[in-house]
Amino acid sequence: MYHNYSYNLYNDGMPLGFDAALTSNIAAQERFSNLSDKERAELIARAHGLKSSGEMRTFVEKFGAGALE
């Protein structure tokens, strides 16, 4: 099943699956909670372009490891 994650949004503007991926990754949760509002908005904007749950998981894993470019 194909989902375009950039169009399936919660009311808070977070892409569908982003919060679930964060919930399953403690390191990513901690990093996200330490971001400024601007940095959070930038990260969420990047997540809007992801098109699958696999891409979302990989994105959050890289973020949690400090490996996002």
Protein backbone atom coordinates (compact mmCIF):
# COMPACT_ATOMS: atom_id res chain seq x y z
CA MET A 1 0.00 0.00 0.00
CA TYR A 2 1.36 3.42 -0.99
CA HIS A 3 0.94 6.45 1.24
CA ASN A 4 2.14 9.91 0.40
CA TYR A 5 3.20 11.02 3.85
CA SER A 6 3.43 14.65 2.80
CA TYR A 7 -0.36 14.84 2.49
CA ASN A 8 -1.49 12.79 5.50
CA LEU A 9 -1.13 15.27 8.32
CA TYR A 10 -2.28 15.46 11.87
CA ASN A 11 -3.69 18.74 13.16
CA ASP A 12 -0.30 19.71 14.56
CA GLY A 13 1.27 19.58 11.08
CA MET A 14 3.35 16.49 11.73
CA PRO A 15 3.44 13.99 8.88
CA LEU A 16 1.65 10.72 9.47
CA GLY A 17 4.12 8.24 10.91
CA PHE A 18 6.67 10.79 12.11
CA ASP A 19 5.50 10.77 15.70
CA ALA A 20 5.20 6.96 15.66
CA ALA A 21 8.77 6.66 14.38
CA LEU A 22 9.95 9.09 17.08
CA THR A 23 8.11 7.12 19.75
CA SER A 24 9.98 3.98 18.79
CA ASN A 25 13.41 5.65 18.86
CA ILE A 26 14.55 7.01 22.24
CA ALA A 27 17.63 8.77 20.86
CA ALA A 28 15.51 10.56 18.25
CA GLN A 29 12.96 11.54 20.93
CA GLU A 30 15.67 13.10 23.05
CA ARG A 31 17.26 14.94 20.13
CA PHE A 32 13.85 16.21 18.97
CA SER A 33 12.94 17.47 22.45
CA ASN A 34 16.18 19.45 22.58
CA LEU A 35 15.61 21.24 19.27
CA SER A 36 14.51 24.84 19.08
CA ASP A 37 11.08 25.56 17.59
CA LYS A 38 12.76 26.62 14.34
CA GLU A 39 14.84 23.44 14.17
CA ARG A 40 11.76 21.32 14.85
CA ALA A 41 9.86 23.07 12.08
CA GLU A 42 12.76 22.48 9.68
CA LEU A 43 12.94 18.79 10.58
CA ILE A 44 9.19 18.35 10.19
CA ALA A 45 9.34 20.13 6.82
CA ARG A 46 11.96 17.64 5.67
CA ALA A 47 9.79 14.75 6.85
CA HIS A 48 6.89 16.02 4.72
CA GLY A 49 8.74 14.96 1.57
CA LEU A 50 8.95 11.29 2.59
CA LYS A 51 6.74 8.89 0.71
CA SER A 52 6.80 5.63 2.70
CA SER A 53 6.93 4.31 6.23
CA GLY A 54 10.36 2.85 5.45
CA GLU A 55 11.68 6.24 4.42
CA MET A 56 10.21 7.74 7.59
CA ARG A 57 11.83 5.09 9.82
CA THR A 58 15.21 5.55 8.12
CA PHE A 59 14.94 9.33 8.41
CA VAL A 60 14.17 9.14 12.14
CA GLU A 61 16.90 6.53 12.73
CA LYS A 62 19.47 8.77 11.01
CA PHE A 63 18.23 11.77 12.96
CA GLY A 64 18.49 9.85 16.23
CA ALA A 65 22.04 8.81 15.39
CA GLY A 66 22.99 12.37 14.45
CA ALA A 67 23.62 11.26 10.86
CA LEU A 68 21.18 13.45 8.91
CA GLU A 69 22.82 15.65 6.31
